Amino acid sequence: ADSVKGRFTISRDNVKNTVYLEMNSLKLEDTAVYYCYAKW
């Protein structure tokens, strides 16, 4: 999303079937419930 570009990084570990979201320079407006999503 434009609002997180340059601050957040998504990555994955295919061996562990795990996705990560590294969030830096957090702002007040980043406050929320964060939901992981997968399509299968």
All heavy atoms as atom14 arrays in JSON, in Angstrom:
{
  "sequence": "ADSVKGRFTISRDNVKNTVYLEMNSLKLEDTAVYYCYAKW",
  "atom14_mask": [
    [1, 1, 1, 1, 1, 0, 0, 0, 0, 0, 0, 0, 0, 0],
    [1, 1, 1, 1, 1, 1, 1, 1, 0, 0, 0, 0, 0, 0],
    [1, 1, 1, 1, 1, 1, 0, 0, 0, 0, 0, 0, 0, 0],
    [1, 1, 1, 1, 1, 1, 1, 0, 0, 0, 0, 0, 0, 0],
    [1, 1, 1, 1, 1, 1, 1, 1, 1, 0, 0, 0, 0, 0],
    [1, 1, 1, 1, 0, 0, 0, 0, 0, 0, 0, 0, 0, 0],
    [1, 1, 1, 1, 1, 1, 1, 1, 1, 1, 1, 0, 0, 0],
    [1, 1, 1, 1, 1, 1, 1, 1, 1, 1, 1, 0, 0, 0],
    [1, 1, 1, 1, 1, 1, 1, 0, 0, 0, 0, 0, 0, 0],
    [1, 1, 1, 1, 1, 1, 1, 1, 0, 0, 0, 0, 0, 0],
    [1, 1, 1, 1, 1, 1, 0, 0, 0, 0, 0, 0, 0, 0],
    [1, 1, 1, 1, 1, 1, 1, 1, 1, 1, 1, 0, 0, 0],
    [1, 1, 1, 1, 1, 1, 1, 1, 0, 0, 0, 0, 0, 0],
    [1, 1, 1, 1, 1, 1, 1, 1, 0, 0, 0, 0, 0, 0],
    [1, 1, 1, 1, 1, 1, 1, 0, 0, 0, 0, 0, 0, 0],
    [1, 1, 1, 1, 1, 1, 1, 1, 1, 0, 0, 0, 0, 0],
    [1, 1, 1, 1, 1, 1, 1, 1, 0, 0, 0, 0, 0, 0],
    [1, 1, 1, 1, 1, 1, 1, 0, 0, 0, 0, 0, 0, 0],
    [1, 1, 1, 1, 1, 1, 1, 0, 0, 0, 0, 0, 0, 0],
    [1, 1, 1, 1, 1, 1, 1, 1, 1, 1, 1, 1, 0, 0],
    [1, 1, 1, 1, 1, 1, 1, 1, 0, 0, 0, 0, 0, 0],
    [1, 1, 1, 1, 1, 1, 1, 1, 1, 0, 0, 0, 0, 0],
    [1, 1, 1, 1, 1, 1, 1, 1, 0, 0, 0, 0, 0, 0],
    [1, 1, 1, 1, 1, 1, 1, 1, 0, 0, 0, 0, 0, 0],
    [1, 1, 1, 1, 1, 1, 0, 0, 0, 0, 0, 0, 0, 0],
    [1, 1, 1, 1, 1, 1, 1, 1, 0, 0, 0, 0, 0, 0],
    [1, 1, 1, 1, 1, 1, 1, 1, 1, 0, 0, 0, 0, 0],
    [1, 1, 1, 1, 1, 1, 1, 1, 0, 0, 0, 0, 0, 0],
    [1, 1, 1, 1, 1, 1, 1, 1, 1, 0, 0, 0, 0, 0],
    [1, 1, 1, 1, 1, 1, 1, 1, 0, 0, 0, 0, 0, 0],
    [1, 1, 1, 1, 1, 1, 1, 0, 0, 0, 0, 0, 0, 0],
    [1, 1, 1, 1, 1, 0, 0, 0, 0, 0, 0, 0, 0, 0],
    [1, 1, 1, 1, 1, 1, 1, 0, 0, 0, 0, 0, 0, 0],
    [1, 1, 1, 1, 1, 1, 1, 1, 1, 1, 1, 1, 0, 0],
    [1, 1, 1, 1, 1, 1, 1, 1, 1, 1, 1, 1, 0, 0],
    [1, 1, 1, 1, 1, 1, 0, 0, 0, 0, 0, 0, 0, 0],
    [1, 1, 1, 1, 1, 1, 1, 1, 1, 1, 1, 1, 0, 0],
    [1, 1, 1, 1, 1, 0, 0, 0, 0, 0, 0, 0, 0, 0],
    [1, 1, 1, 1, 1, 1, 1, 1, 1, 0, 0, 0, 0, 0],
    [1, 1, 1, 1, 1, 1, 1, 1, 1, 1, 1, 1, 1, 1]
  ],
  "atom14_positions": [
    [[0.85, -1.18, 0.0], [0.0, 0.0, 0.0], [0.89, 1.24, 0.0], [1.99, 1.23, 0.57], [-0.88, 0.01, 1.25], [0.0, 0.0, 0.0], [0.0, 0.0, 0.0], [0.0, 0.0, 0.0], [0.0, 0.0, 0.0], [0.0, 0.0, 0.0], [0.0, 0.0, 0.0], [0.0, 0.0, 0.0], [0.0, 0.0, 0.0], [0.0, 0.0, 0.0]],
    [[0.42, 2.29, -0.63], [1.23, 3.51, -0.7], [1.59, 4.03, 0.69], [2.68, 4.59, 0.89], [0.47, 4.6, -1.47], [0.4, 4.31, -2.96], [1.19, 3.48, -3.46], [-0.46, 4.91, -3.63], [0.0, 0.0, 0.0], [0.0, 0.0, 0.0], [0.0, 0.0, 0.0], [0.0, 0.0, 0.0], [0.0, 0.0, 0.0], [0.0, 0.0, 0.0]],
    [[0.7, 3.84, 1.64], [0.91, 4.38, 2.97], [2.06, 3.71, 3.73], [2.53, 4.26, 4.73], [-0.38, 4.26, 3.79], [-0.77, 2.89, 3.88], [0.0, 0.0, 0.0], [0.0, 0.0, 0.0], [0.0, 0.0, 0.0], [0.0, 0.0, 0.0], [0.0, 0.0, 0.0], [0.0, 0.0, 0.0], [0.0, 0.0, 0.0], [0.0, 0.0, 0.0]],
    [[2.5, 2.56, 3.26], [3.57, 1.85, 3.99], [4.83, 1.67, 3.16], [5.84, 1.17, 3.68], [3.08, 0.47, 4.5], [1.81, 0.62, 5.31], [2.89, -0.52, 3.35], [0.0, 0.0, 0.0], [0.0, 0.0, 0.0], [0.0, 0.0, 0.0], [0.0, 0.0, 0.0], [0.0, 0.0, 0.0], [0.0, 0.0, 0.0], [0.0, 0.0, 0.0]],
    [[4.8, 2.08, 1.9], [5.97, 1.92, 1.05], [7.17, 2.64, 1.66], [7.06, 3.78, 2.12], [5.69, 2.47, -0.35], [4.89, 1.54, -1.22], [4.66, 2.15, -2.59], [3.82, 1.22, -3.45], [3.5, 1.81, -4.78], [0.0, 0.0, 0.0], [0.0, 0.0, 0.0], [0.0, 0.0, 0.0], [0.0, 0.0, 0.0], [0.0, 0.0, 0.0]],
    [[8.3, 1.95, 1.66], [9.52, 2.52, 2.2], [9.67, 2.32, 3.7], [10.74, 2.56, 4.26], [0.0, 0.0, 0.0], [0.0, 0.0, 0.0], [0.0, 0.0, 0.0], [0.0, 0.0, 0.0], [0.0, 0.0, 0.0], [0.0, 0.0, 0.0], [0.0, 0.0, 0.0], [0.0, 0.0, 0.0], [0.0, 0.0, 0.0], [0.0, 0.0, 0.0]],
    [[8.6, 1.88, 4.37], [8.65, 1.65, 5.81], [8.47, 0.19, 6.18], [9.07, -0.29, 7.15], [7.57, 2.49, 6.52], [7.7, 3.98, 6.29], [6.72, 4.77, 7.18], [5.33, 4.45, 6.89], [4.48, 3.96, 7.79], [4.87, 3.73, 9.02], [3.23, 3.72, 7.46], [0.0, 0.0, 0.0], [0.0, 0.0, 0.0], [0.0, 0.0, 0.0]],
    [[7.62, -0.5, 5.43], [7.31, -1.9, 5.72], [7.96, -2.8, 4.65], [8.05, -2.41, 3.48], [5.81, -2.15, 5.7], [5.05, -1.52, 6.84], [5.61, -0.59, 7.69], [3.71, -1.88, 7.05], [4.89, -0.01, 8.72], [2.99, -1.32, 8.08], [3.58, -0.39, 8.92], [0.0, 0.0, 0.0], [0.0, 0.0, 0.0], [0.0, 0.0, 0.0]],
    [[8.35, -3.98, 5.08], [8.91, -4.97, 4.14], [8.26, -6.32, 4.41], [8.26, -6.8, 5.54], [10.42, -5.09, 4.31], [11.03, -3.81, 4.1], [10.99, -6.08, 3.31], [0.0, 0.0, 0.0], [0.0, 0.0, 0.0], [0.0, 0.0, 0.0], [0.0, 0.0, 0.0], [0.0, 0.0, 0.0], [0.0, 0.0, 0.0], [0.0, 0.0, 0.0]],
    [[7.73, -6.92, 3.35], [7.17, -8.26, 3.46], [8.18, -9.26, 2.9], [8.87, -8.99, 1.9], [5.82, -8.36, 2.71], [5.13, -9.69, 3.02], [5.98, -8.14, 1.21], [3.68, -9.74, 2.53], [0.0, 0.0, 0.0], [0.0, 0.0, 0.0], [0.0, 0.0, 0.0], [0.0, 0.0, 0.0], [0.0, 0.0, 0.0], [0.0, 0.0, 0.0]],
    [[8.28, -10.39, 3.58], [9.2, -11.43, 3.12], [8.61, -12.78, 3.5], [7.63, -12.87, 4.24], [10.59, -11.23, 3.75], [10.52, -11.34, 5.16], [0.0, 0.0, 0.0], [0.0, 0.0, 0.0], [0.0, 0.0, 0.0], [0.0, 0.0, 0.0], [0.0, 0.0, 0.0], [0.0, 0.0, 0.0], [0.0, 0.0, 0.0], [0.0, 0.0, 0.0]],
    [[9.24, -13.83, 2.97], [8.73, -15.16, 3.28], [9.87, -16.15, 3.39], [10.93, -15.98, 2.79], [7.73, -15.61, 2.2], [8.32, -15.83, 0.83], [7.23, -15.97, -0.24], [6.34, -17.1, 0.05], [5.13, -17.25, -0.5], [4.68, -16.34, -1.37], [4.4, -18.29, -0.21], [0.0, 0.0, 0.0], [0.0, 0.0, 0.0], [0.0, 0.0, 0.0]],
    [[9.6, -17.17, 4.2], [10.52, -18.3, 4.33], [9.76, -19.52, 3.84], [8.87, -20.01, 4.52], [10.94, -18.46, 5.81], [11.94, -19.58, 6.01], [11.91, -20.57, 5.26], [12.74, -19.47, 6.94], [0.0, 0.0, 0.0], [0.0, 0.0, 0.0], [0.0, 0.0, 0.0], [0.0, 0.0, 0.0], [0.0, 0.0, 0.0], [0.0, 0.0, 0.0]],
    [[10.1, -19.97, 2.65], [9.33, -21.05, 2.03], [9.54, -22.39, 2.74], [8.7, -23.27, 2.65], [9.7, -21.17, 0.55], [9.22, -19.96, -0.24], [8.16, -19.42, 0.03], [10.0, -19.55, -1.23], [0.0, 0.0, 0.0], [0.0, 0.0, 0.0], [0.0, 0.0, 0.0], [0.0, 0.0, 0.0], [0.0, 0.0, 0.0], [0.0, 0.0, 0.0]],
    [[10.65, -22.54, 3.42], [10.9, -23.78, 4.15], [9.96, -23.86, 5.36], [9.42, -24.92, 5.67], [12.37, -23.87, 4.58], [12.59, -25.09, 5.48], [13.28, -23.93, 3.36], [0.0, 0.0, 0.0], [0.0, 0.0, 0.0], [0.0, 0.0, 0.0], [0.0, 0.0, 0.0], [0.0, 0.0, 0.0], [0.0, 0.0, 0.0], [0.0, 0.0, 0.0]],
    [[9.78, -22.72, 6.0], [8.93, -22.68, 7.2], [7.47, -22.32, 6.89], [6.64, -22.26, 7.8], [9.5, -21.65, 8.19], [10.87, -21.99, 8.73], [11.35, -20.93, 9.7], [12.72, -21.27, 10.26], [13.19, -20.23, 11.21], [0.0, 0.0, 0.0], [0.0, 0.0, 0.0], [0.0, 0.0, 0.0], [0.0, 0.0, 0.0], [0.0, 0.0, 0.0]],
    [[7.16, -22.07, 5.62], [5.8, -21.64, 5.23], [5.37, -20.44, 6.07], [4.24, -20.37, 6.57], [4.78, -22.77, 5.39], [5.03, -23.9, 4.44], [5.62, -23.72, 3.37], [4.61, -25.09, 4.82], [0.0, 0.0, 0.0], [0.0, 0.0, 0.0], [0.0, 0.0, 0.0], [0.0, 0.0, 0.0], [0.0, 0.0, 0.0], [0.0, 0.0, 0.0]],
    [[6.26, -19.5, 6.23], [6.03, -18.34, 7.09], [6.25, -17.06, 6.3], [7.21, -16.95, 5.53], [6.97, -18.38, 8.3], [6.7, -19.57, 9.06], [6.76, -17.17, 9.19], [0.0, 0.0, 0.0], [0.0, 0.0, 0.0], [0.0, 0.0, 0.0], [0.0, 0.0, 0.0], [0.0, 0.0, 0.0], [0.0, 0.0, 0.0], [0.0, 0.0, 0.0]],
    [[5.36, -16.12, 6.53], [5.51, -14.79, 5.95], [5.71, -13.79, 7.08], [5.17, -13.95, 8.18], [4.28, -14.41, 5.09], [3.02, -14.27, 5.93], [4.53, -13.15, 4.29], [0.0, 0.0, 0.0], [0.0, 0.0, 0.0], [0.0, 0.0, 0.0], [0.0, 0.0, 0.0], [0.0, 0.0, 0.0], [0.0, 0.0, 0.0], [0.0, 0.0, 0.0]],
    [[6.54, -12.79, 6.81], [6.89, -11.79, 7.81], [6.52, -10.4, 7.3], [6.47, -10.15, 6.1], [8.39, -11.83, 8.09], [8.91, -13.18, 8.5], [9.5, -14.04, 7.58], [8.82, -13.59, 9.83], [9.97, -15.28, 7.96], [9.29, -14.83, 10.23], [9.86, -15.67, 9.29], [10.33, -16.91, 9.66], [0.0, 0.0, 0.0], [0.0, 0.0, 0.0]],
    [[6.28, -9.53, 8.24], [6.08, -8.12, 7.92], [6.95, -7.32, 8.87], [6.68, -7.25, 10.07], [4.61, -7.7, 8.06], [4.31, -6.27, 7.61], [4.48, -6.15, 6.09], [2.9, -5.85, 8.02], [0.0, 0.0, 0.0], [0.0, 0.0, 0.0], [0.0, 0.0, 0.0], [0.0, 0.0, 0.0], [0.0, 0.0, 0.0], [0.0, 0.0, 0.0]],
    [[8.02, -6.77, 8.33], [8.9, -5.9, 9.09], [8.38, -4.49, 8.98], [8.26, -3.95, 7.87], [10.33, -5.98, 8.53], [11.35, -5.23, 9.34], [11.72, -5.96, 10.63], [11.76, -7.2, 10.61], [11.94, -5.28, 11.64], [0.0, 0.0, 0.0], [0.0, 0.0, 0.0], [0.0, 0.0, 0.0], [0.0, 0.0, 0.0], [0.0, 0.0, 0.0]],
    [[8.05, -3.89, 10.13], [7.45, -2.55, 10.15], [8.4, -1.6, 10.85], [8.71, -1.78, 12.02], [6.1, -2.59, 10.86], [5.14, -3.61, 10.26], [3.5, -3.56, 11.02], [3.89, -4.15, 12.66], [0.0, 0.0, 0.0], [0.0, 0.0, 0.0], [0.0, 0.0, 0.0], [0.0, 0.0, 0.0], [0.0, 0.0, 0.0], [0.0, 0.0, 0.0]],
    [[8.86, -0.6, 10.12], [9.76, 0.42, 10.67], [9.12, 1.79, 10.6], [8.15, 2.0, 9.87], [11.07, 0.41, 9.88], [11.81, -0.91, 9.97], [11.96, -1.47, 11.06], [12.29, -1.4, 8.84], [0.0, 0.0, 0.0], [0.0, 0.0, 0.0], [0.0, 0.0, 0.0], [0.0, 0.0, 0.0], [0.0, 0.0, 0.0], [0.0, 0.0, 0.0]],
    [[9.69, 2.72, 11.34], [9.18, 4.1, 11.36], [7.67, 4.13, 11.56], [6.94, 4.81, 10.83], [9.55, 4.81, 10.05], [10.95, 4.81, 9.85], [0.0, 0.0, 0.0], [0.0, 0.0, 0.0], [0.0, 0.0, 0.0], [0.0, 0.0, 0.0], [0.0, 0.0, 0.0], [0.0, 0.0, 0.0], [0.0, 0.0, 0.0], [0.0, 0.0, 0.0]],
    [[7.21, 3.39, 12.54], [5.78, 3.26, 12.76], [5.16, 4.6, 13.14], [5.75, 5.4, 13.87], [5.5, 2.21, 13.83], [5.63, 0.76, 13.32], [5.82, -0.2, 14.47], [4.4, 0.4, 12.51], [0.0, 0.0, 0.0], [0.0, 0.0, 0.0], [0.0, 0.0, 0.0], [0.0, 0.0, 0.0], [0.0, 0.0, 0.0], [0.0, 0.0, 0.0]],
    [[3.93, 4.79, 12.64], [3.18, 6.01, 12.88], [1.91, 5.68, 13.67], [1.46, 4.53, 13.69], [2.79, 6.66, 11.55], [3.96, 6.96, 10.63], [3.47, 7.53, 9.31], [4.62, 7.83, 8.36], [4.14, 8.36, 7.06], [0.0, 0.0, 0.0], [0.0, 0.0, 0.0], [0.0, 0.0, 0.0], [0.0, 0.0, 0.0], [0.0, 0.0, 0.0]],
    [[1.34, 6.71, 14.26], [0.11, 6.5, 15.02], [-0.97, 5.85, 14.15], [-1.72, 5.0, 14.62], [-0.39, 7.83, 15.57], [0.5, 8.54, 16.58], [-0.13, 9.87, 17.0], [0.75, 7.68, 17.82], [0.0, 0.0, 0.0], [0.0, 0.0, 0.0], [0.0, 0.0, 0.0], [0.0, 0.0, 0.0], [0.0, 0.0, 0.0], [0.0, 0.0, 0.0]],
    [[-1.01, 6.26, 12.89], [-2.05, 5.74, 12.0], [-1.82, 4.3, 11.56], [-2.66, 3.73, 10.86], [-2.18, 6.64, 10.76], [-0.87, 6.9, 10.02], [-0.23, 8.23, 10.44], [-0.25, 8.55, 11.64], [0.31, 8.91, 9.53], [0.0, 0.0, 0.0], [0.0, 0.0, 0.0], [0.0, 0.0, 0.0], [0.0, 0.0, 0.0], [0.0, 0.0, 0.0]],
    [[-0.72, 3.71, 11.98], [-0.51, 2.28, 11.71], [-1.21, 1.4, 12.75], [-1.23, 0.17, 12.6], [0.98, 1.95, 11.7], [1.72, 2.6, 10.55], [1.18, 2.62, 9.42], [2.85, 3.1, 10.77], [0.0, 0.0, 0.0], [0.0, 0.0, 0.0], [0.0, 0.0, 0.0], [0.0, 0.0, 0.0], [0.0, 0.0, 0.0], [0.0, 0.0, 0.0]],
    [[-1.76, 2.02, 13.77], [-2.48, 1.27, 14.8], [-3.67, 0.56, 14.18], [-4.52, 1.18, 13.53], [-2.95, 2.21, 15.91], [-1.81, 2.74, 16.58], [-3.83, 1.46, 16.91], [0.0, 0.0, 0.0], [0.0, 0.0, 0.0], [0.0, 0.0, 0.0], [0.0, 0.0, 0.0], [0.0, 0.0, 0.0], [0.0, 0.0, 0.0], [0.0, 0.0, 0.0]],
    [[-3.73, -0.76, 14.38], [-4.79, -1.56, 13.79], [-4.61, -3.02, 14.21], [-3.58, -3.38, 14.8], [-4.74, -1.48, 12.26], [0.0, 0.0, 0.0], [0.0, 0.0, 0.0], [0.0, 0.0, 0.0], [0.0, 0.0, 0.0], [0.0, 0.0, 0.0], [0.0, 0.0, 0.0], [0.0, 0.0, 0.0], [0.0, 0.0, 0.0], [0.0, 0.0, 0.0]],
    [[-5.61, -3.81, 13.9], [-5.44, -5.26, 13.98], [-4.92, -5.72, 12.62], [-5.51, -5.39, 11.58], [-6.77, -5.98, 14.31], [-6.56, -7.49, 14.31], [-7.3, -5.5, 15.66], [0.0, 0.0, 0.0], [0.0, 0.0, 0.0], [0.0, 0.0, 0.0], [0.0, 0.0, 0.0], [0.0, 0.0, 0.0], [0.0, 0.0, 0.0], [0.0, 0.0, 0.0]],
    [[-3.83, -6.44, 12.64], [-3.21, -6.92, 11.41], [-3.56, -8.38, 11.19], [-3.4, -9.21, 12.1], [-1.69, -6.74, 11.49], [-1.27, -5.3, 11.29], [-1.54, -4.33, 12.25], [-0.61, -4.89, 10.14], [-1.19, -3.01, 12.07], [-0.24, -3.57, 9.94], [-0.54, -2.64, 10.91], [-0.19, -1.33, 10.72], [0.0, 0.0, 0.0], [0.0, 0.0, 0.0]],
    [[-4.02, -8.68, 9.98], [-4.47, -10.02, 9.64], [-3.58, -10.61, 8.55], [-3.33, -9.97, 7.52], [-5.9, -9.99, 9.13], [-6.92, -9.57, 10.14], [-7.29, -8.23, 10.26], [-7.52, -10.51, 10.98], [-8.24, -7.84, 11.2], [-8.47, -10.12, 11.92], [-8.82, -8.8, 12.03], [-9.75, -8.41, 12.96], [0.0, 0.0, 0.0], [0.0, 0.0, 0.0]],
    [[-3.14, -11.81, 8.8], [-2.42, -12.56, 7.78], [-3.42, -13.16, 6.8], [-4.54, -13.52, 7.18], [-1.6, -13.66, 8.45], [-0.68, -14.7, 7.31], [0.0, 0.0, 0.0], [0.0, 0.0, 0.0], [0.0, 0.0, 0.0], [0.0, 0.0, 0.0], [0.0, 0.0, 0.0], [0.0, 0.0, 0.0], [0.0, 0.0, 0.0], [0.0, 0.0, 0.0]],
    [[-3.01, -13.25, 5.57], [-3.88, -13.72, 4.49], [-3.12, -14.71, 3.62], [-1.91, -14.56, 3.39], [-4.31, -12.49, 3.68], [-4.65, -12.74, 2.24], [-5.94, -13.11, 1.88], [-3.7, -12.59, 1.23], [-6.27, -13.33, 0.56], [-4.02, -12.82, -0.09], [-5.31, -13.19, -0.42], [-5.61, -13.42, -1.73], [0.0, 0.0, 0.0], [0.0, 0.0, 0.0]],
    [[-3.87, -15.71, 3.15], [-3.3, -16.64, 2.18], [-4.4, -17.08, 1.22], [-5.56, -17.19, 1.6], [-2.7, -17.85, 2.88], [0.0, 0.0, 0.0], [0.0, 0.0, 0.0], [0.0, 0.0, 0.0], [0.0, 0.0, 0.0], [0.0, 0.0, 0.0], [0.0, 0.0, 0.0], [0.0, 0.0, 0.0], [0.0, 0.0, 0.0], [0.0, 0.0, 0.0]],
    [[-4.01, -17.3, 0.0], [-4.95, -17.81, -1.0], [-4.47, -19.18, -1.44], [-3.28, -19.37, -1.8], [-5.02, -16.86, -2.21], [-6.04, -17.29, -3.25], [-6.04, -16.38, -4.46], [-6.63, -15.03, -4.16], [-8.09, -15.09, -3.89], [0.0, 0.0, 0.0], [0.0, 0.0, 0.0], [0.0, 0.0, 0.0], [0.0, 0.0, 0.0], [0.0, 0.0, 0.0]],
    [[-5.38, -20.12, -1.43], [-5.04, -21.51, -1.81], [-6.19, -22.07, -2.6], [-7.32, -22.11, -2.11], [-4.76, -22.33, -0.54], [-4.17, -23.67, -0.8], [-2.95, -23.95, -1.33], [-4.78, -24.93, -0.51], [-2.77, -25.3, -1.41], [-3.87, -25.94, -0.91], [-6.0, -25.31, 0.04], [-4.14, -27.27, -0.77], [-6.26, -26.65, 0.18], [-5.34, -27.62, -0.23]]
  ]
}
